[in-house]
Amino acid sequence: MAFYRISPQGETRADLRSSSIIATMMNIMRDGKLHPDPYTAMDFMPFLEREEPDPKEIAKRTRAIFEEIINRQKKAAQDGGSD
């Protein structure tokens, strides 16, 4: 037990390693306009207790994402399909 406190090797530690990799990959692909704050490993930790998100905020963010997709599609169509 004392060794585990110094060097934890359980499933939680494995989840943290995986979450760190996922956060890095998501930050590489992140659109700063749609998600201005960088992702952290804690965003991808399973079973982590979090506050319930505000449904109005979720709707607002979802709408922004879809509007951005539509705007990009319109721009691509105007540019002749080249991105």
C-alpha atoms as a PDB file:
ATOM      1  CA  MET A   1       0.000   0.000   0.000  1.00  0.00           C
ATOM      2  CA  ALA A   2       2.819   2.426   0.771  1.00  0.00           C
ATOM      3  CA  PHE A   3       4.409   1.746  -2.636  1.00  0.00           C
ATOM      4  CA  TYR A   4       1.087   2.467  -4.352  1.00  0.00           C
ATOM      5  CA  ARG A   5       1.021   5.926  -2.735  1.00  0.00           C
ATOM      6  CA  ILE A   6       4.469   6.639  -4.170  1.00  0.00           C
ATOM      7  CA  SER A   7       3.824   5.082  -7.589  1.00  0.00           C
ATOM      8  CA  PRO A   8       0.131   4.446  -8.342  1.00  0.00           C
ATOM      9  CA  GLN A   9      -0.327   1.860 -11.071  1.00  0.00           C
ATOM     10  CA  GLY A  10      -4.065   1.083 -10.946  1.00  0.00           C
ATOM     11  CA  GLU A  11      -6.860   1.607 -13.460  1.00  0.00           C
ATOM     12  CA  THR A  12      -7.299   5.247 -12.448  1.00  0.00           C
ATOM     13  CA  ARG A  13      -3.691   5.893 -13.406  1.00  0.00           C
ATOM     14  CA  ALA A  14      -4.226   4.119 -16.745  1.00  0.00           C
ATOM     15  CA  ASP A  15      -7.350   6.230 -17.356  1.00  0.00           C
ATOM     16  CA  LEU A  16      -5.320   9.379 -16.666  1.00  0.00           C
ATOM     17  CA  ARG A  17      -2.649   8.341 -19.173  1.00  0.00           C
ATOM     18  CA  SER A  18      -5.278   7.649 -21.826  1.00  0.00           C
ATOM     19  CA  SER A  19      -7.119  10.880 -21.043  1.00  0.00           C
ATOM     20  CA  SER A  20      -3.889  12.856 -21.455  1.00  0.00           C
ATOM     21  CA  ILE A  21      -3.389  11.417 -24.926  1.00  0.00           C
ATOM     22  CA  ILE A  22      -7.001  12.103 -25.912  1.00  0.00           C
ATOM     23  CA  ALA A  23      -6.781  15.699 -24.629  1.00  0.00           C
ATOM     24  CA  THR A  24      -3.606  16.255 -26.656  1.00  0.00           C
ATOM     25  CA  MET A  25      -5.216  14.910 -29.829  1.00  0.00           C
ATOM     26  CA  MET A  26      -8.378  16.947 -29.294  1.00  0.00           C
ATOM     27  CA  ASN A  27      -6.354  20.132 -28.733  1.00  0.00           C
ATOM     28  CA  ILE A  28      -4.482  19.543 -31.989  1.00  0.00           C
ATOM     29  CA  MET A  29      -7.826  19.430 -33.846  1.00  0.00           C
ATOM     30  CA  ARG A  30      -9.671  21.985 -31.676  1.00  0.00           C
ATOM     31  CA  ASP A  31     -11.385  24.926 -33.352  1.00  0.00           C
ATOM     32  CA  GLY A  32     -10.682  27.885 -31.078  1.00  0.00           C
ATOM     33  CA  LYS A  33     -13.924  29.605 -32.078  1.00  0.00           C
ATOM     34  CA  LEU A  34     -16.130  26.655 -31.155  1.00  0.00           C
ATOM     35  CA  HIS A  35     -14.182  25.536 -28.100  1.00  0.00           C
ATOM     36  CA  PRO A  36     -12.040  28.450 -26.878  1.00  0.00           C
ATOM     37  CA  ASP A  37     -10.695  26.699 -23.781  1.00  0.00           C
ATOM     38  CA  PRO A  38      -8.138  23.936 -24.284  1.00  0.00           C
ATOM     39  CA  TYR A  39      -9.169  20.429 -23.305  1.00  0.00           C
ATOM     40  CA  THR A  40      -7.560  18.847 -20.258  1.00  0.00           C
ATOM     41  CA  ALA A  41      -7.116  15.224 -19.280  1.00  0.00           C
ATOM     42  CA  MET A  42      -9.882  15.675 -16.710  1.00  0.00           C
ATOM     43  CA  ASP A  43     -12.366  16.359 -19.533  1.00  0.00           C
ATOM     44  CA  PHE A  44     -11.950  12.747 -20.654  1.00  0.00           C
ATOM     45  CA  MET A  45     -11.691  10.929 -17.327  1.00  0.00           C
ATOM     46  CA  PRO A  46     -14.434   8.321 -16.994  1.00  0.00           C
ATOM     47  CA  PHE A  47     -16.423   8.229 -13.767  1.00  0.00           C
ATOM     48  CA  LEU A  48     -15.264  11.705 -12.746  1.00  0.00           C
ATOM     49  CA  GLU A  49     -17.991  13.581 -10.873  1.00  0.00           C
ATOM     50  CA  ARG A  50     -18.967  16.756 -12.703  1.00  0.00           C
ATOM     51  CA  GLU A  51     -21.610  19.453 -12.412  1.00  0.00           C
ATOM     52  CA  GLU A  52     -24.649  18.954 -14.609  1.00  0.00           C
ATOM     53  CA  PRO A  53     -24.332  21.235 -17.651  1.00  0.00           C
ATOM     54  CA  ASP A  54     -26.904  23.926 -18.273  1.00  0.00           C
ATOM     55  CA  PRO A  55     -29.263  22.729 -21.063  1.00  0.00           C
ATOM     56  CA  LYS A  56     -29.433  26.273 -22.504  1.00  0.00           C
ATOM     57  CA  GLU A  57     -25.651  26.411 -22.729  1.00  0.00           C
ATOM     58  CA  ILE A  58     -25.573  23.013 -24.456  1.00  0.00           C
ATOM     59  CA  ALA A  59     -28.182  24.206 -26.968  1.00  0.00           C
ATOM     60  CA  LYS A  60     -26.208  27.410 -27.596  1.00  0.00           C
ATOM     61  CA  ARG A  61     -22.942  25.524 -28.199  1.00  0.00           C
ATOM     62  CA  THR A  62     -24.639  22.911 -30.391  1.00  0.00           C
ATOM     63  CA  ARG A  63     -26.226  25.638 -32.503  1.00  0.00           C
ATOM     64  CA  ALA A  64     -22.839  27.354 -32.912  1.00  0.00           C
ATOM     65  CA  ILE A  65     -21.270  24.099 -34.088  1.00  0.00           C
ATOM     66  CA  PHE A  66     -23.986  23.473 -36.679  1.00  0.00           C
ATOM     67  CA  GLU A  67     -23.863  27.076 -37.882  1.00  0.00           C
ATOM     68  CA  GLU A  68     -20.104  26.757 -38.376  1.00  0.00           C
ATOM     69  CA  ILE A  69     -20.562  23.535 -40.350  1.00  0.00           C
ATOM     70  CA  ILE A  70     -23.196  25.167 -42.572  1.00  0.00           C
ATOM     71  CA  ASN A  71     -21.016  28.253 -43.128  1.00  0.00           C
ATOM     72  CA  ARG A  72     -18.045  26.094 -44.119  1.00  0.00           C
ATOM     73  CA  GLN A  73     -20.200  24.101 -46.538  1.00  0.00           C
ATOM     74  CA  LYS A  74     -21.544  27.312 -48.105  1.00  0.00           C
ATOM     75  CA  LYS A  75     -18.024  28.691 -48.451  1.00  0.00           C
ATOM     76  CA  ALA A  76     -16.796  25.454 -50.030  1.00  0.00           C
ATOM     77  CA  ALA A  77     -19.700  25.543 -52.516  1.00  0.00           C
ATOM     78  CA  GLN A  78     -18.925  29.167 -53.421  1.00  0.00           C
ATOM     79  CA  ASP A  79     -15.238  28.352 -53.868  1.00  0.00           C
ATOM     80  CA  GLY A  80     -16.114  25.541 -56.251  1.00  0.00           C
ATOM     81  CA  GLY A  81     -15.674  22.749 -53.764  1.00  0.00           C
ATOM     82  CA  SER A  82     -12.031  23.453 -52.925  1.00  0.00           C
ATOM     83  CA  ASP A  83     -11.201  23.963 -49.276  1.00  0.00           C
END
